[in-house]
Amino acid sequence: MSSIKTLTASKLKLIAIFAMAAGHAAFLVPAGAAAFTLAVPPLDAVSRVTMPIMCFFISEGFSATRNLKKYMIRLLAFALASQVPFYMFRAAVMPEAAADIWDGFLYLNVLFTLATGLAALRAYHSGSFRPALKAVVISALALLTFHCDYAVFGVLWVLSFGIFRNDKNRQFAAFGAVTLAKSAYMLFFGAGAYAAAMQLFALAALPLIDMYGGERGKNLKYLFYIFYPAHLLILALIKMLILS
């Protein structure tokens, strides 16, 4: 574990935002362009740190919030607001997927996954549920994300960070196990070796998270939630109106 705790929450979130923007911007590079094989894999790899960082902050937010209901409503509100930009972006870069209503508009963005992870963490810490019922509720919540970005693995990442919040070794071990499972799933269920290998770059988020010292830094409470749909919309318009 790193003894250097130089990253505040705001700095870590900015890293996540820039990494996400870089990865999504890579989709603007035409597949046949000479720059594609040089630019896209590195940008894709860098972007993989974003989701783990956001899952980490969902678990931190769960522990810090004074009103879980408002937190959940805020997440769901931004998830709903992000769905049209998310669809537009996918339609611009993956027309074959967007042409189908099920794989297009009804494929839900990652904020729905994060909100479900928050609900699963609440169920885990609930004193009203017996262990068996907790397992059923958490499993049911995870299954709800089967058609969301990052799906069940995003929920499990949130749980990994939240359940073992006070034990960094177990926290990172659980996260690593879920990441390896995600990579294996991608490999054995048809996504291909490239997609499977890219999943492993999520592990690069762990050293960054380990450098988080618990300080908030600048107040960037809503920045990710606003930036997420805004940058998707901008990139979609660039792809459709300028690069088409």
C-alpha atoms as a PDB file:
ATOM      1  CA  MET A   1       0.000   0.000   0.000  1.00  0.00           C
ATOM      2  CA  SER A   2       1.187   3.461  -0.821  1.00  0.00           C
ATOM      3  CA  SER A   3       2.121   5.749   2.021  1.00  0.00           C
ATOM      4  CA  ILE A   4       1.773   8.732  -0.321  1.00  0.00           C
ATOM      5  CA  LYS A   5      -1.721  10.180   0.030  1.00  0.00           C
ATOM      6  CA  THR A   6      -1.604  13.100  -2.374  1.00  0.00           C
ATOM      7  CA  LEU A   7      -4.914  12.759  -4.195  1.00  0.00           C
ATOM      8  CA  THR A   8      -8.032  14.495  -2.982  1.00  0.00           C
ATOM      9  CA  ALA A   9     -11.506  13.408  -4.064  1.00  0.00           C
ATOM     10  CA  SER A  10     -11.672  16.261  -6.558  1.00  0.00           C
ATOM     11  CA  LYS A  11      -8.322  15.330  -8.137  1.00  0.00           C
ATOM     12  CA  LEU A  12      -9.293  11.679  -8.369  1.00  0.00           C
ATOM     13  CA  LYS A  13     -12.623  12.566  -9.974  1.00  0.00           C
ATOM     14  CA  LEU A  14     -10.879  14.821 -12.491  1.00  0.00           C
ATOM     15  CA  ILE A  15      -8.582  11.948 -13.432  1.00  0.00           C
ATOM     16  CA  ALA A  16     -11.665   9.792 -13.969  1.00  0.00           C
ATOM     17  CA  ILE A  17     -13.335  12.466 -16.083  1.00  0.00           C
ATOM     18  CA  PHE A  18     -10.335  13.075 -18.338  1.00  0.00           C
ATOM     19  CA  ALA A  19      -9.762   9.338 -18.741  1.00  0.00           C
ATOM     20  CA  MET A  20     -13.402   8.806 -19.683  1.00  0.00           C
ATOM     21  CA  ALA A  21     -13.358  11.655 -22.187  1.00  0.00           C
ATOM     22  CA  ALA A  22     -10.180  10.303 -23.782  1.00  0.00           C
ATOM     23  CA  GLY A  23     -11.655   6.845 -24.165  1.00  0.00           C
ATOM     24  CA  HIS A  24     -14.889   8.076 -25.656  1.00  0.00           C
ATOM     25  CA  ALA A  25     -13.079  10.494 -27.980  1.00  0.00           C
ATOM     26  CA  ALA A  26     -11.212   7.492 -29.397  1.00  0.00           C
ATOM     27  CA  PHE A  27     -14.485   6.398 -30.983  1.00  0.00           C
ATOM     28  CA  LEU A  28     -14.252   9.413 -33.286  1.00  0.00           C
ATOM     29  CA  VAL A  29     -11.213   7.925 -35.036  1.00  0.00           C
ATOM     30  CA  PRO A  30     -12.373   6.052 -38.177  1.00  0.00           C
ATOM     31  CA  ALA A  31     -11.684   2.325 -37.916  1.00  0.00           C
ATOM     32  CA  GLY A  32      -9.754   2.337 -41.178  1.00  0.00           C
ATOM     33  CA  ALA A  33      -7.579   5.314 -40.361  1.00  0.00           C
ATOM     34  CA  ALA A  34      -3.832   4.911 -39.946  1.00  0.00           C
ATOM     35  CA  ALA A  35      -4.053   6.510 -36.498  1.00  0.00           C
ATOM     36  CA  PHE A  36      -6.610   3.981 -35.277  1.00  0.00           C
ATOM     37  CA  THR A  37      -4.235   1.241 -34.149  1.00  0.00           C
ATOM     38  CA  LEU A  38      -1.838   3.788 -32.666  1.00  0.00           C
ATOM     39  CA  ALA A  39      -4.305   5.998 -30.796  1.00  0.00           C
ATOM     40  CA  VAL A  40      -7.329   3.923 -29.896  1.00  0.00           C
ATOM     41  CA  PRO A  41      -5.861   1.074 -27.755  1.00  0.00           C
ATOM     42  CA  PRO A  42      -3.904   3.433 -25.447  1.00  0.00           C
ATOM     43  CA  LEU A  43      -6.889   5.745 -25.017  1.00  0.00           C
ATOM     44  CA  ASP A  44      -9.172   2.770 -24.457  1.00  0.00           C
ATOM     45  CA  ALA A  45      -6.780   1.418 -21.816  1.00  0.00           C
ATOM     46  CA  VAL A  46      -6.558   4.776 -20.017  1.00  0.00           C
ATOM     47  CA  SER A  47     -10.336   5.095 -19.903  1.00  0.00           C
ATOM     48  CA  ARG A  48     -10.663   1.857 -17.952  1.00  0.00           C
ATOM     49  CA  VAL A  49      -9.753   3.569 -14.662  1.00  0.00           C
ATOM     50  CA  THR A  50     -12.895   5.709 -14.744  1.00  0.00           C
ATOM     51  CA  MET A  51     -15.552   3.195 -13.725  1.00  0.00           C
ATOM     52  CA  PRO A  52     -13.584   1.766 -10.768  1.00  0.00           C
ATOM     53  CA  ILE A  53     -12.994   5.288  -9.445  1.00  0.00           C
ATOM     54  CA  MET A  54     -16.688   6.130  -9.722  1.00  0.00           C
ATOM     55  CA  CYS A  55     -17.642   2.835  -8.042  1.00  0.00           C
ATOM     56  CA  PHE A  56     -15.219   3.701  -5.258  1.00  0.00           C
ATOM     57  CA  PHE A  57     -16.875   7.077  -4.744  1.00  0.00           C
ATOM     58  CA  ILE A  58     -20.325   5.502  -4.715  1.00  0.00           C
ATOM     59  CA  SER A  59     -19.163   3.430  -1.746  1.00  0.00           C
ATOM     60  CA  GLU A  60     -17.608   6.509  -0.144  1.00  0.00           C
ATOM     61  CA  GLY A  61     -20.788   8.478  -0.759  1.00  0.00           C
ATOM     62  CA  PHE A  62     -22.851   5.754   0.857  1.00  0.00           C
ATOM     63  CA  SER A  63     -20.774   6.028   4.016  1.00  0.00           C
ATOM     64  CA  ALA A  64     -20.743   9.816   4.063  1.00  0.00           C
ATOM     65  CA  THR A  65     -24.237  10.801   2.967  1.00  0.00           C
ATOM     66  CA  ARG A  66     -26.722  12.064   5.489  1.00  0.00           C
ATOM     67  CA  ASN A  67     -29.664  11.332   3.220  1.00  0.00           C
ATOM     68  CA  LEU A  68     -29.399   8.144   1.195  1.00  0.00           C
ATOM     69  CA  LYS A  69     -32.792   8.679  -0.404  1.00  0.00           C
ATOM     70  CA  LYS A  70     -31.763  12.037  -1.875  1.00  0.00           C
ATOM     71  CA  TYR A  71     -28.475  10.536  -3.026  1.00  0.00           C
ATOM     72  CA  MET A  72     -30.325   7.755  -4.858  1.00  0.00           C
ATOM     73  CA  ILE A  73     -32.840  10.158  -6.389  1.00  0.00           C
ATOM     74  CA  ARG A  74     -30.002  12.363  -7.621  1.00  0.00           C
ATOM     75  CA  LEU A  75     -28.238   9.401  -9.223  1.00  0.00           C
ATOM     76  CA  LEU A  76     -31.409   8.204 -10.924  1.00  0.00           C
ATOM     77  CA  ALA A  77     -32.311  11.703 -12.108  1.00  0.00           C
ATOM     78  CA  PHE A  78     -28.940  12.127 -13.799  1.00  0.00           C
ATOM     79  CA  ALA A  79     -29.182   8.594 -15.167  1.00  0.00           C
ATOM     80  CA  LEU A  80     -32.477   9.454 -16.836  1.00  0.00           C
ATOM     81  CA  ALA A  81     -31.114  12.772 -18.113  1.00  0.00           C
ATOM     82  CA  SER A  82     -28.082  10.969 -19.554  1.00  0.00           C
ATOM     83  CA  GLN A  83     -29.979   8.294 -21.458  1.00  0.00           C
ATOM     84  CA  VAL A  84     -30.679  10.298 -24.624  1.00  0.00           C
ATOM     85  CA  PRO A  85     -27.065  11.569 -24.953  1.00  0.00           C
ATOM     86  CA  PHE A  86     -25.851   8.022 -24.223  1.00  0.00           C
ATOM     87  CA  TYR A  87     -28.084   6.656 -26.979  1.00  0.00           C
ATOM     88  CA  MET A  88     -27.028   9.385 -29.400  1.00  0.00           C
ATOM     89  CA  PHE A  89     -23.368   8.617 -28.778  1.00  0.00           C
ATOM     90  CA  ARG A  90     -23.854   4.887 -29.303  1.00  0.00           C
ATOM     91  CA  ALA A  91     -25.934   5.578 -32.417  1.00  0.00           C
ATOM     92  CA  ALA A  92     -23.157   7.751 -33.810  1.00  0.00           C
ATOM     93  CA  VAL A  93     -20.291   5.334 -33.177  1.00  0.00           C
ATOM     94  CA  MET A  94     -22.144   2.002 -33.365  1.00  0.00           C
ATOM     95  CA  PRO A  95     -25.053   2.398 -35.818  1.00  0.00           C
ATOM     96  CA  GLU A  96     -25.629  -1.357 -35.951  1.00  0.00           C
ATOM     97  CA  ALA A  97     -26.423  -1.454 -32.220  1.00  0.00           C
ATOM     98  CA  ALA A  98     -28.507   1.704 -32.159  1.00  0.00           C
ATOM     99  CA  ALA A  99     -30.666   0.484 -35.051  1.00  0.00           C
ATOM    100  CA  ASP A 100     -32.196  -2.119 -32.742  1.00  0.00           C
ATOM    101  CA  ILE A 101     -34.489  -0.745 -30.034  1.00  0.00           C
ATOM    102  CA  TRP A 102     -33.353  -3.360 -27.487  1.00  0.00           C
ATOM    103  CA  ASP A 103     -29.635  -2.854 -28.055  1.00  0.00           C
ATOM    104  CA  GLY A 104     -30.150   0.826 -28.766  1.00  0.00           C
ATOM    105  CA  PHE A 105     -32.255   3.089 -26.595  1.00  0.00           C
ATOM    106  CA  LEU A 106     -33.133   0.389 -24.077  1.00  0.00           C
ATOM    107  CA  TYR A 107     -29.464  -0.304 -23.350  1.00  0.00           C
ATOM    108  CA  LEU A 108     -29.009   1.769 -20.197  1.00  0.00           C
ATOM    109  CA  ASN A 109     -26.113   4.022 -19.275  1.00  0.00           C
ATOM    110  CA  VAL A 110     -23.619   3.470 -16.486  1.00  0.00           C
ATOM    111  CA  LEU A 111     -25.337   5.773 -13.983  1.00  0.00           C
ATOM    112  CA  PHE A 112     -28.134   3.205 -13.707  1.00  0.00           C
ATOM    113  CA  THR A 113     -25.466   0.633 -12.829  1.00  0.00           C
ATOM    114  CA  LEU A 114     -23.990   2.926 -10.177  1.00  0.00           C
ATOM    115  CA  ALA A 115     -27.440   3.586  -8.698  1.00  0.00           C
ATOM    116  CA  THR A 116     -28.082  -0.161  -8.525  1.00  0.00           C
ATOM    117  CA  GLY A 117     -24.701  -0.651  -6.860  1.00  0.00           C
ATOM    118  CA  LEU A 118     -25.721   1.913  -4.254  1.00  0.00           C
ATOM    119  CA  ALA A 119     -28.992   0.048  -3.651  1.00  0.00           C
ATOM    120  CA  ALA A 120     -27.112  -3.248  -3.330  1.00  0.00           C
ATOM    121  CA  LEU A 121     -24.750  -1.713  -0.793  1.00  0.00           C
ATOM    122  CA  ARG A 122     -27.735  -0.433   1.171  1.00  0.00           C
ATOM    123  CA  ALA A 123     -29.239  -3.919   1.150  1.00  0.00           C
ATOM    124  CA  TYR A 124     -25.959  -5.422   2.371  1.00  0.00           C
ATOM    125  CA  HIS A 125     -25.801  -3.056   5.343  1.00  0.00           C
ATOM    126  CA  SER A 126     -29.493  -3.330   6.139  1.00  0.00           C
ATOM    127  CA  GLY A 127     -30.296  -4.606   9.617  1.00  0.00           C
ATOM    128  CA  SER A 128     -33.758  -5.627   8.448  1.00  0.00           C
ATOM    129  CA  PHE A 129     -32.591  -8.467   6.199  1.00  0.00           C
ATOM    130  CA  ARG A 130     -31.316 -11.853   7.250  1.00  0.00           C
ATOM    131  CA  PRO A 131     -28.171 -13.023   5.389  1.00  0.00           C
ATOM    132  CA  ALA A 132     -30.124 -15.309   3.047  1.00  0.00           C
ATOM    133  CA  LEU A 133     -32.564 -12.541   2.172  1.00  0.00           C
ATOM    134  CA  LYS A 134     -29.699 -10.102   1.647  1.00  0.00           C
ATOM    135  CA  ALA A 135     -28.159 -12.507  -0.854  1.00  0.00           C
ATOM    136  CA  VAL A 136     -31.454 -12.792  -2.721  1.00  0.00           C
ATOM    137  CA  VAL A 137     -32.038  -9.025  -2.801  1.00  0.00           C
ATOM    138  CA  ILE A 138     -28.472  -8.233  -3.890  1.00  0.00           C
ATOM    139  CA  SER A 139     -28.591 -10.931  -6.572  1.00  0.00           C
ATOM    140  CA  ALA A 140     -31.909  -9.581  -7.853  1.00  0.00           C
ATOM    141  CA  LEU A 141     -30.525  -6.046  -7.974  1.00  0.00           C
ATOM    142  CA  ALA A 142     -27.417  -7.201  -9.822  1.00  0.00           C
ATOM    143  CA  LEU A 143     -29.553  -9.033 -12.379  1.00  0.00           C
ATOM    144  CA  LEU A 144     -31.480  -5.824 -13.043  1.00  0.00           C
ATOM    145  CA  THR A 145     -28.332  -4.406 -14.611  1.00  0.00           C
ATOM    146  CA  PHE A 146     -27.920  -7.171 -17.194  1.00  0.00           C
ATOM    147  CA  HIS A 147     -28.744  -4.645 -19.939  1.00  0.00           C
ATOM    148  CA  CYS A 148     -26.796  -1.727 -18.467  1.00  0.00           C
ATOM    149  CA  ASP A 149     -23.283  -0.526 -19.184  1.00  0.00           C
ATOM    150  CA  TYR A 150     -20.842  -2.567 -17.025  1.00  0.00           C
ATOM    151  CA  ALA A 151     -23.824  -4.600 -15.792  1.00  0.00           C
ATOM    152  CA  VAL A 152     -23.380  -6.885 -12.781  1.00  0.00           C
ATOM    153  CA  PHE A 153     -19.632  -6.285 -12.654  1.00  0.00           C
ATOM    154  CA  GLY A 154     -20.176  -2.597 -11.888  1.00  0.00           C
ATOM    155  CA  VAL A 155     -22.475  -3.533  -9.007  1.00  0.00           C
ATOM    156  CA  LEU A 156     -19.880  -5.998  -7.695  1.00  0.00           C
ATOM    157  CA  TRP A 157     -17.183  -3.323  -7.868  1.00  0.00           C
ATOM    158  CA  VAL A 158     -19.304  -1.017  -5.723  1.00  0.00           C
ATOM    159  CA  LEU A 159     -19.864  -3.846  -3.249  1.00  0.00           C
ATOM    160  CA  SER A 160     -16.145  -4.690  -3.215  1.00  0.00           C
ATOM    161  CA  PHE A 161     -15.250  -1.149  -2.225  1.00  0.00           C
ATOM    162  CA  GLY A 162     -18.172  -0.721   0.167  1.00  0.00           C
ATOM    163  CA  ILE A 163     -18.182  -4.019   2.041  1.00  0.00           C
ATOM    164  CA  PHE A 164     -14.449  -3.916   2.747  1.00  0.00           C
ATOM    165  CA  ARG A 165     -14.192  -0.159   3.188  1.00  0.00           C
ATOM    166  CA  ASN A 166     -12.071  -0.460   6.321  1.00  0.00           C
ATOM    167  CA  ASP A 167      -9.726  -3.125   4.966  1.00  0.00           C
ATOM    168  CA  LYS A 168      -7.815  -1.924   1.906  1.00  0.00           C
ATOM    169  CA  ASN A 169      -6.168  -5.300   1.273  1.00  0.00           C
ATOM    170  CA  ARG A 170      -9.469  -7.178   1.140  1.00  0.00           C
ATOM    171  CA  GLN A 171     -11.085  -4.302  -0.728  1.00  0.00           C
ATOM    172  CA  PHE A 172      -8.494  -4.440  -3.500  1.00  0.00           C
ATOM    173  CA  ALA A 173      -8.456  -8.245  -3.538  1.00  0.00           C
ATOM    174  CA  ALA A 174     -12.223  -8.343  -4.042  1.00  0.00           C
ATOM    175  CA  PHE A 175     -12.012  -5.710  -6.748  1.00  0.00           C
ATOM    176  CA  GLY A 176      -9.245  -7.660  -8.475  1.00  0.00           C
ATOM    177  CA  ALA A 177     -11.240 -10.898  -8.361  1.00  0.00           C
ATOM    178  CA  VAL A 178     -14.265  -9.208  -9.950  1.00  0.00           C
ATOM    179  CA  THR A 179     -12.041  -7.646 -12.611  1.00  0.00           C
ATOM    180  CA  LEU A 180     -10.470 -10.983 -13.499  1.00  0.00           C
ATOM    181  CA  ALA A 181     -13.939 -12.543 -13.648  1.00  0.00           C
ATOM    182  CA  LYS A 182     -15.075  -9.787 -15.995  1.00  0.00           C
ATOM    183  CA  SER A 183     -12.076 -10.320 -18.255  1.00  0.00           C
ATOM    184  CA  ALA A 184     -12.666 -14.087 -18.328  1.00  0.00           C
ATOM    185  CA  TYR A 185     -16.347 -13.535 -19.087  1.00  0.00           C
ATOM    186  CA  MET A 186     -15.474 -11.295 -22.028  1.00  0.00           C
ATOM    187  CA  LEU A 187     -12.967 -13.837 -23.329  1.00  0.00           C
ATOM    188  CA  PHE A 188     -15.143 -16.939 -23.088  1.00  0.00           C
ATOM    189  CA  PHE A 189     -18.439 -15.430 -24.181  1.00  0.00           C
ATOM    190  CA  GLY A 190     -17.438 -14.060 -27.536  1.00  0.00           C
ATOM    191  CA  ALA A 191     -16.197 -10.514 -26.941  1.00  0.00           C
ATOM    192  CA  GLY A 192     -12.685 -11.475 -28.017  1.00  0.00           C
ATOM    193  CA  ALA A 193      -9.158 -11.287 -26.659  1.00  0.00           C
ATOM    194  CA  TYR A 194      -8.818  -7.523 -27.145  1.00  0.00           C
ATOM    195  CA  ALA A 195     -11.945  -6.721 -25.117  1.00  0.00           C
ATOM    196  CA  ALA A 196     -10.911  -9.191 -22.423  1.00  0.00           C
ATOM    197  CA  ALA A 197      -7.422  -7.711 -22.166  1.00  0.00           C
ATOM    198  CA  MET A 198      -8.782  -4.172 -21.937  1.00  0.00           C
ATOM    199  CA  GLN A 199     -10.784  -5.091 -18.841  1.00  0.00           C
ATOM    200  CA  LEU A 200      -7.550  -5.734 -16.968  1.00  0.00           C
ATOM    201  CA  PHE A 201      -6.522  -2.093 -17.263  1.00  0.00           C
ATOM    202  CA  ALA A 202      -9.202  -1.357 -14.666  1.00  0.00           C
ATOM    203  CA  LEU A 203      -6.643  -2.610 -12.159  1.00  0.00           C
ATOM    204  CA  ALA A 204      -4.631   0.539 -12.870  1.00  0.00           C
ATOM    205  CA  ALA A 205      -7.246   2.424 -10.852  1.00  0.00           C
ATOM    206  CA  LEU A 206      -6.094   0.759  -7.627  1.00  0.00           C
ATOM    207  CA  PRO A 207      -2.801   2.684  -7.213  1.00  0.00           C
ATOM    208  CA  LEU A 208      -4.717   5.910  -7.820  1.00  0.00           C
ATOM    209  CA  ILE A 209      -7.374   5.022  -5.266  1.00  0.00           C
ATOM    210  CA  ASP A 210      -4.638   4.007  -2.832  1.00  0.00           C
ATOM    211  CA  MET A 211      -3.233   7.546  -3.097  1.00  0.00           C
ATOM    212  CA  TYR A 212      -6.563   9.020  -1.983  1.00  0.00           C
ATOM    213  CA  GLY A 213      -6.112  10.608   1.415  1.00  0.00           C
ATOM    214  CA  GLY A 214      -9.751  11.147   2.334  1.00  0.00           C
ATOM    215  CA  GLU A 215      -9.790  14.900   1.698  1.00  0.00           C
ATOM    216  CA  ARG A 216     -12.537  16.341  -0.492  1.00  0.00           C
ATOM    217  CA  GLY A 217     -10.510  19.075  -2.159  1.00  0.00           C
ATOM    218  CA  LYS A 218     -12.524  21.395  -4.368  1.00  0.00           C
ATOM    219  CA  ASN A 219     -16.277  20.940  -4.373  1.00  0.00           C
ATOM    220  CA  LEU A 220     -16.934  19.007  -7.592  1.00  0.00           C
ATOM    221  CA  LYS A 221     -20.076  17.307  -6.320  1.00  0.00           C
ATOM    222  CA  TYR A 222     -22.031  17.473  -9.566  1.00  0.00           C
ATOM    223  CA  LEU A 223     -19.212  17.731 -12.102  1.00  0.00           C
ATOM    224  CA  PHE A 224     -19.156  14.071 -13.160  1.00  0.00           C
ATOM    225  CA  TYR A 225     -22.941  13.857 -13.366  1.00  0.00           C
ATOM    226  CA  ILE A 226     -23.086  16.932 -15.607  1.00  0.00           C
ATOM    227  CA  PHE A 227     -19.975  16.165 -17.640  1.00  0.00           C
ATOM    228  CA  TYR A 228     -21.057  12.595 -18.405  1.00  0.00           C
ATOM    229  CA  PRO A 229     -24.115  13.400 -20.562  1.00  0.00           C
ATOM    230  CA  ALA A 230     -22.651  16.690 -21.829  1.00  0.00           C
ATOM    231  CA  HIS A 231     -19.511  15.166 -23.323  1.00  0.00           C
ATOM    232  CA  LEU A 232     -21.482  12.259 -24.825  1.00  0.00           C
ATOM    233  CA  LEU A 233     -23.794  14.719 -26.532  1.00  0.00           C
ATOM    234  CA  ILE A 234     -20.913  16.836 -27.849  1.00  0.00           C
ATOM    235  CA  LEU A 235     -19.012  13.803 -29.170  1.00  0.00           C
ATOM    236  CA  ALA A 236     -22.171  12.418 -30.779  1.00  0.00           C
ATOM    237  CA  LEU A 237     -22.811  15.712 -32.577  1.00  0.00           C
ATOM    238  CA  ILE A 238     -19.200  15.907 -33.749  1.00  0.00           C
ATOM    239  CA  LYS A 239     -19.406  12.374 -35.116  1.00  0.00           C
ATOM    240  CA  MET A 240     -22.773  12.872 -36.817  1.00  0.00           C
ATOM    241  CA  LEU A 241     -22.406  16.407 -38.148  1.00  0.00           C
ATOM    242  CA  ILE A 242     -18.680  16.803 -38.825  1.00  0.00           C
ATOM    243  CA  LEU A 243     -17.150  13.362 -39.274  1.00  0.00           C
ATOM    244  CA  SER A 244     -20.027  11.594 -41.023  1.00  0.00           C
END
